[in-house]
Structures are given as C-alpha cells and as structure tokens.
Amino acid sequence: MSSLFQAPDCKQWFERWQARLKRQPDSREASHRLMTTSNPAVIARNHRVEEALEAAVERADFTVMEKLLGFLSQPYQDPPEQAGYHLPAPPSSRAYRTFCGT
C-alpha cells in the first residue's frame, strides 16, 4: 500500500475501496481504465502556477509556464517527464490562499 494511504482516514477508505473492487463484476483493469480516463493525472496546483509565474515575471523565462501548460493541455496523460506534477506542495512550502477571481 502506498504511503499516501497510511493516515487512518485514508487507510480505512482504501480498505473499503479494495473490498468494493472485489464485489464489482468489472475487472481491476476495467476499473483502472475508468479511473485514468476520469481523474486527471495533473492539475494546476498553486505552487506550480506560482513557480511558472515567478519564472516568467522575474526572469522572463516562459519555459516553466509552457511546460505546465503542456501538461495541463493533456491532463489524463501520465508520461514520466510529468512526474511530480500531481504531488501537493512540499510541507516546507508556505500556506496558500486563493480568493474569488484569482
């Protein structure tokens, strides 16, 4: 089991989900296909957007933004070069708030 599911609430959810998969008539492969076509592998996480904006504004480096936009244009793809874009901000990162209109 992934370390992601070690928190008590997540662990309980994971166990219920595994039991549910066993009861379903569809194969695990069919369930996996459904999940990968319904859940994006990458989303516009705040720390990634900030990283891209900072590079563009402070260094006139648009490659970070172009890379992020490339991944976001195909959110259900999960190529190796996109590794890490699905992860939350590191714990050392500052708390981030967004407001309507941002």
N, C-alpha and C. Protein backbone atom coordinates (compact mmCIF):
# COMPACT_ATOMS: atom_id res chain seq x y z
N MET A 1 0.85 -1.18 0.00
CA MET A 1 0.00 0.00 0.00
C MET A 1 0.90 1.24 0.00
N SER A 2 0.55 2.20 -0.78
CA SER A 2 1.31 3.45 -0.88
C SER A 2 1.32 4.18 0.46
N SER A 3 2.40 4.92 0.71
CA SER A 3 2.47 5.69 1.95
C SER A 3 1.38 6.75 2.02
N LEU A 4 0.83 7.11 0.86
CA LEU A 4 -0.26 8.07 0.81
C LEU A 4 -1.44 7.58 1.64
N PHE A 5 -1.63 6.28 1.74
CA PHE A 5 -2.79 5.72 2.41
C PHE A 5 -2.52 5.30 3.85
N GLN A 6 -1.47 5.82 4.46
CA GLN A 6 -1.13 5.43 5.83
C GLN A 6 -1.93 6.20 6.88
N ALA A 7 -2.44 7.39 6.55
CA ALA A 7 -3.27 8.14 7.51
C ALA A 7 -4.51 7.31 7.80
N PRO A 8 -4.98 7.29 9.06
CA PRO A 8 -6.12 6.44 9.42
C PRO A 8 -7.34 6.59 8.51
N ASP A 9 -7.75 7.82 8.22
CA ASP A 9 -8.92 8.01 7.38
C ASP A 9 -8.69 7.46 5.97
N CYS A 10 -7.52 7.71 5.44
CA CYS A 10 -7.20 7.23 4.09
C CYS A 10 -7.08 5.71 4.07
N LYS A 11 -6.50 5.17 5.12
CA LYS A 11 -6.34 3.71 5.20
C LYS A 11 -7.71 3.02 5.22
N GLN A 12 -8.64 3.56 6.00
CA GLN A 12 -9.99 2.99 6.05
C GLN A 12 -10.68 3.10 4.69
N TRP A 13 -10.54 4.27 4.06
CA TRP A 13 -11.13 4.44 2.73
C TRP A 13 -10.53 3.44 1.76
N PHE A 14 -9.21 3.27 1.77
CA PHE A 14 -8.53 2.37 0.86
C PHE A 14 -9.02 0.93 1.06
N GLU A 15 -9.17 0.52 2.30
CA GLU A 15 -9.64 -0.83 2.59
C GLU A 15 -11.07 -1.04 2.09
N ARG A 16 -11.95 -0.02 2.28
CA ARG A 16 -13.32 -0.12 1.77
C ARG A 16 -13.32 -0.18 0.24
N TRP A 17 -12.45 0.60 -0.37
CA TRP A 17 -12.37 0.62 -1.83
C TRP A 17 -11.90 -0.74 -2.36
N GLN A 18 -10.90 -1.34 -1.71
CA GLN A 18 -10.42 -2.65 -2.13
C GLN A 18 -11.53 -3.70 -2.02
N ALA A 19 -12.31 -3.65 -0.93
CA ALA A 19 -13.43 -4.57 -0.76
C ALA A 19 -14.47 -4.35 -1.85
N ARG A 20 -14.72 -3.09 -2.18
CA ARG A 20 -15.69 -2.76 -3.24
C ARG A 20 -15.23 -3.32 -4.58
N LEU A 21 -13.95 -3.19 -4.88
CA LEU A 21 -13.43 -3.71 -6.15
C LEU A 21 -13.65 -5.22 -6.26
N LYS A 22 -13.54 -5.92 -5.16
CA LYS A 22 -13.73 -7.37 -5.17
C LYS A 22 -15.18 -7.74 -5.47
N ARG A 23 -16.13 -6.87 -5.09
CA ARG A 23 -17.56 -7.15 -5.31
C ARG A 23 -18.02 -6.78 -6.73
N GLN A 24 -17.28 -5.94 -7.40
CA GLN A 24 -17.70 -5.47 -8.72
C GLN A 24 -17.54 -6.54 -9.79
N PRO A 25 -18.44 -6.56 -10.75
CA PRO A 25 -18.30 -7.54 -11.82
C PRO A 25 -17.18 -7.19 -12.81
N ASP A 26 -16.83 -5.91 -12.89
CA ASP A 26 -15.76 -5.50 -13.81
C ASP A 26 -14.40 -5.92 -13.28
N SER A 27 -13.47 -6.10 -14.19
CA SER A 27 -12.11 -6.46 -13.79
C SER A 27 -11.40 -5.25 -13.19
N ARG A 28 -10.31 -5.53 -12.52
CA ARG A 28 -9.48 -4.44 -11.97
C ARG A 28 -8.96 -3.56 -13.11
N GLU A 29 -8.64 -4.18 -14.23
CA GLU A 29 -8.14 -3.43 -15.38
C GLU A 29 -9.20 -2.46 -15.90
N ALA A 30 -10.45 -2.90 -15.94
CA ALA A 30 -11.54 -2.03 -16.39
C ALA A 30 -11.73 -0.88 -15.40
N SER A 31 -11.64 -1.18 -14.11
CA SER A 31 -11.75 -0.12 -13.09
C SER A 31 -10.60 0.87 -13.24
N HIS A 32 -9.42 0.37 -13.49
CA HIS A 32 -8.25 1.24 -13.65
C HIS A 32 -8.42 2.13 -14.89
N ARG A 33 -8.88 1.56 -16.00
CA ARG A 33 -9.13 2.36 -17.21
C ARG A 33 -10.14 3.46 -16.94
N LEU A 34 -11.20 3.14 -16.22
CA LEU A 34 -12.22 4.13 -15.90
C LEU A 34 -11.63 5.26 -15.04
N MET A 35 -10.82 4.88 -14.06
CA MET A 35 -10.20 5.90 -13.19
C MET A 35 -9.25 6.79 -13.98
N THR A 36 -8.44 6.22 -14.86
CA THR A 36 -7.46 7.03 -15.58
C THR A 36 -8.08 7.90 -16.66
N THR A 37 -9.30 7.59 -17.06
CA THR A 37 -9.98 8.45 -18.04
C THR A 37 -10.94 9.43 -17.36
N SER A 38 -11.10 9.30 -16.05
CA SER A 38 -12.00 10.19 -15.31
C SER A 38 -11.27 11.13 -14.35
N ASN A 39 -10.08 10.77 -13.95
CA ASN A 39 -9.32 11.55 -12.97
C ASN A 39 -8.04 12.05 -13.61
N PRO A 40 -7.87 13.35 -13.69
CA PRO A 40 -6.64 13.87 -14.31
C PRO A 40 -5.40 13.49 -13.52
N ALA A 41 -4.31 13.24 -14.23
CA ALA A 41 -3.03 12.92 -13.60
C ALA A 41 -2.35 14.19 -13.10
N VAL A 42 -2.69 15.32 -13.70
CA VAL A 42 -2.08 16.59 -13.29
C VAL A 42 -3.15 17.67 -13.26
N ILE A 43 -3.05 18.52 -12.24
CA ILE A 43 -3.95 19.66 -12.12
C ILE A 43 -3.09 20.90 -11.86
N ALA A 44 -3.66 22.05 -12.00
CA ALA A 44 -2.92 23.30 -11.80
C ALA A 44 -2.80 23.58 -10.30
N ARG A 45 -1.82 22.98 -9.67
CA ARG A 45 -1.60 23.21 -8.24
C ARG A 45 -0.99 24.60 -8.05
N ASN A 46 -1.39 25.24 -6.96
CA ASN A 46 -0.96 26.62 -6.71
C ASN A 46 0.55 26.80 -6.75
N HIS A 47 1.29 25.89 -6.13
CA HIS A 47 2.75 26.07 -6.10
C HIS A 47 3.37 25.93 -7.48
N ARG A 48 2.76 25.15 -8.36
CA ARG A 48 3.27 25.02 -9.73
C ARG A 48 2.93 26.27 -10.55
N VAL A 49 1.76 26.81 -10.34
CA VAL A 49 1.37 28.04 -11.05
C VAL A 49 2.26 29.19 -10.58
N GLU A 50 2.48 29.29 -9.27
CA GLU A 50 3.36 30.34 -8.73
C GLU A 50 4.77 30.20 -9.29
N GLU A 51 5.26 28.99 -9.37
CA GLU A 51 6.59 28.72 -9.91
C GLU A 51 6.69 29.23 -11.36
N ALA A 52 5.66 28.95 -12.15
CA ALA A 52 5.65 29.38 -13.54
C ALA A 52 5.54 30.90 -13.66
N LEU A 53 4.69 31.50 -12.85
CA LEU A 53 4.54 32.96 -12.88
C LEU A 53 5.82 33.66 -12.44
N GLU A 54 6.44 33.14 -11.40
CA GLU A 54 7.68 33.73 -10.90
C GLU A 54 8.78 33.68 -11.98
N ALA A 55 8.91 32.55 -12.64
CA ALA A 55 9.92 32.43 -13.70
C ALA A 55 9.64 33.41 -14.83
N ALA A 56 8.37 33.55 -15.19
CA ALA A 56 8.01 34.45 -16.29
C ALA A 56 8.21 35.91 -15.93
N VAL A 57 7.77 36.30 -14.75
CA VAL A 57 7.82 37.71 -14.35
C VAL A 57 9.23 38.14 -13.94
N GLU A 58 9.87 37.33 -13.12
CA GLU A 58 11.16 37.74 -12.57
C GLU A 58 12.35 37.46 -13.49
N ARG A 59 12.24 36.43 -14.34
CA ARG A 59 13.38 36.07 -15.18
C ARG A 59 13.06 36.06 -16.67
N ALA A 60 11.84 36.42 -17.02
CA ALA A 60 11.38 36.37 -18.42
C ALA A 60 11.60 34.98 -19.01
N ASP A 61 11.46 33.96 -18.17
CA ASP A 61 11.62 32.56 -18.57
C ASP A 61 10.24 31.94 -18.69
N PHE A 62 9.79 31.75 -19.91
CA PHE A 62 8.45 31.22 -20.14
C PHE A 62 8.44 29.70 -20.31
N THR A 63 9.60 29.07 -20.21
CA THR A 63 9.66 27.62 -20.40
C THR A 63 8.92 26.87 -19.29
N VAL A 64 8.97 27.41 -18.07
CA VAL A 64 8.28 26.75 -16.94
C VAL A 64 6.77 26.79 -17.18
N MET A 65 6.26 27.94 -17.63
CA MET A 65 4.83 28.08 -17.94
C MET A 65 4.45 27.18 -19.11
N GLU A 66 5.27 27.16 -20.15
CA GLU A 66 4.97 26.33 -21.33
C GLU A 66 4.92 24.85 -20.97
N LYS A 67 5.84 24.43 -20.11
CA LYS A 67 5.85 23.03 -19.65
C LYS A 67 4.57 22.71 -18.88
N LEU A 68 4.20 23.58 -17.94
CA LEU A 68 2.99 23.38 -17.15
C LEU A 68 1.75 23.36 -18.06
N LEU A 69 1.66 24.31 -18.97
CA LEU A 69 0.52 24.37 -19.88
C LEU A 69 0.47 23.13 -20.79
N GLY A 70 1.62 22.64 -21.17
CA GLY A 70 1.67 21.41 -21.98
C GLY A 70 1.07 20.23 -21.23
N PHE A 71 1.44 20.09 -19.95
CA PHE A 71 0.88 19.00 -19.14
C PHE A 71 -0.61 19.20 -18.91
N LEU A 72 -1.01 20.44 -18.67
CA LEU A 72 -2.42 20.72 -18.40
C LEU A 72 -3.29 20.55 -19.65
N SER A 73 -2.69 20.67 -20.82
CA SER A 73 -3.47 20.50 -22.06
C SER A 73 -3.82 19.04 -22.31
N GLN A 74 -3.12 18.13 -21.63
CA GLN A 74 -3.41 16.69 -21.73
C GLN A 74 -3.43 16.11 -20.32
N PRO A 75 -4.42 16.50 -19.53
CA PRO A 75 -4.41 16.15 -18.10
C PRO A 75 -4.53 14.67 -17.79
N TYR A 76 -5.01 13.86 -18.72
CA TYR A 76 -5.18 12.43 -18.43
C TYR A 76 -3.97 11.61 -18.85
N GLN A 77 -3.02 12.23 -19.48
CA GLN A 77 -1.76 11.58 -19.83
C GLN A 77 -0.90 11.54 -18.57
N ASP A 78 -0.03 10.58 -18.47
CA ASP A 78 0.85 10.49 -17.30
C ASP A 78 2.25 10.06 -17.72
N PRO A 79 2.90 10.86 -18.60
CA PRO A 79 4.24 10.48 -19.04
C PRO A 79 5.28 10.68 -17.94
N PRO A 80 6.40 9.98 -18.01
CA PRO A 80 7.43 10.09 -16.97
C PRO A 80 7.93 11.53 -16.75
N GLU A 81 8.00 12.33 -17.80
CA GLU A 81 8.52 13.70 -17.64
C GLU A 81 7.57 14.59 -16.83
N GLN A 82 6.39 14.11 -16.56
CA GLN A 82 5.41 14.86 -15.78
C GLN A 82 5.44 14.44 -14.30
N ALA A 83 6.34 13.55 -13.96
CA ALA A 83 6.44 13.06 -12.58
C ALA A 83 6.57 14.23 -11.61
N GLY A 84 5.82 14.18 -10.54
CA GLY A 84 5.88 15.22 -9.53
C GLY A 84 4.83 16.31 -9.69
N TYR A 85 4.24 16.43 -10.86
CA TYR A 85 3.25 17.48 -11.07
C TYR A 85 1.91 17.16 -10.43
N HIS A 86 1.72 15.93 -10.01
CA HIS A 86 0.48 15.55 -9.33
C HIS A 86 0.61 15.67 -7.80
N LEU A 87 1.80 15.95 -7.33
CA LEU A 87 2.04 16.00 -5.88
C LEU A 87 1.66 17.35 -5.28
N PRO A 88 1.24 17.35 -4.04
CA PRO A 88 0.97 18.63 -3.36
C PRO A 88 2.28 19.36 -3.08
N ALA A 89 2.17 20.59 -2.66
CA ALA A 89 3.35 21.38 -2.32
C ALA A 89 4.10 20.71 -1.17
N PRO A 90 5.40 20.88 -1.13
CA PRO A 90 6.16 20.29 -0.02
C PRO A 90 5.73 20.91 1.31
N PRO A 91 5.87 20.18 2.40
CA PRO A 91 5.46 20.70 3.71
C PRO A 91 6.14 22.01 4.08
N SER A 92 7.35 22.23 3.57
CA SER A 92 8.08 23.45 3.89
C SER A 92 7.51 24.67 3.17
N SER A 93 6.61 24.42 2.24
CA SER A 93 6.00 25.50 1.46
C SER A 93 5.05 26.31 2.33
N ARG A 94 4.95 27.60 2.04
CA ARG A 94 4.04 28.44 2.82
C ARG A 94 2.58 28.10 2.49
N ALA A 95 1.72 28.35 3.45
CA ALA A 95 0.28 28.13 3.22
C ALA A 95 -0.17 29.08 2.12
N TYR A 96 -1.09 28.62 1.30
CA TYR A 96 -1.51 29.39 0.15
C TYR A 96 -3.02 29.58 0.18
N ARG A 97 -3.46 30.80 -0.03
CA ARG A 97 -4.89 31.10 -0.07
C ARG A 97 -5.24 31.65 -1.43
N THR A 98 -6.38 31.24 -1.93
CA THR A 98 -6.89 31.85 -3.15
C THR A 98 -8.23 32.49 -2.84
N PHE A 99 -8.59 33.44 -3.65
CA PHE A 99 -9.83 34.19 -3.45
C PHE A 99 -10.60 34.20 -4.76
N CYS A 100 -11.88 34.48 -4.68
CA CYS A 100 -12.69 34.57 -5.88
C CYS A 100 -12.03 35.53 -6.86
N GLY A 101 -11.98 35.11 -8.09
CA GLY A 101 -11.41 35.97 -9.12
C GLY A 101 -9.93 35.76 -9.35
N THR A 102 -9.30 34.86 -8.56
CA THR A 102 -7.87 34.64 -8.80
C THR A 102 -7.66 33.44 -9.67
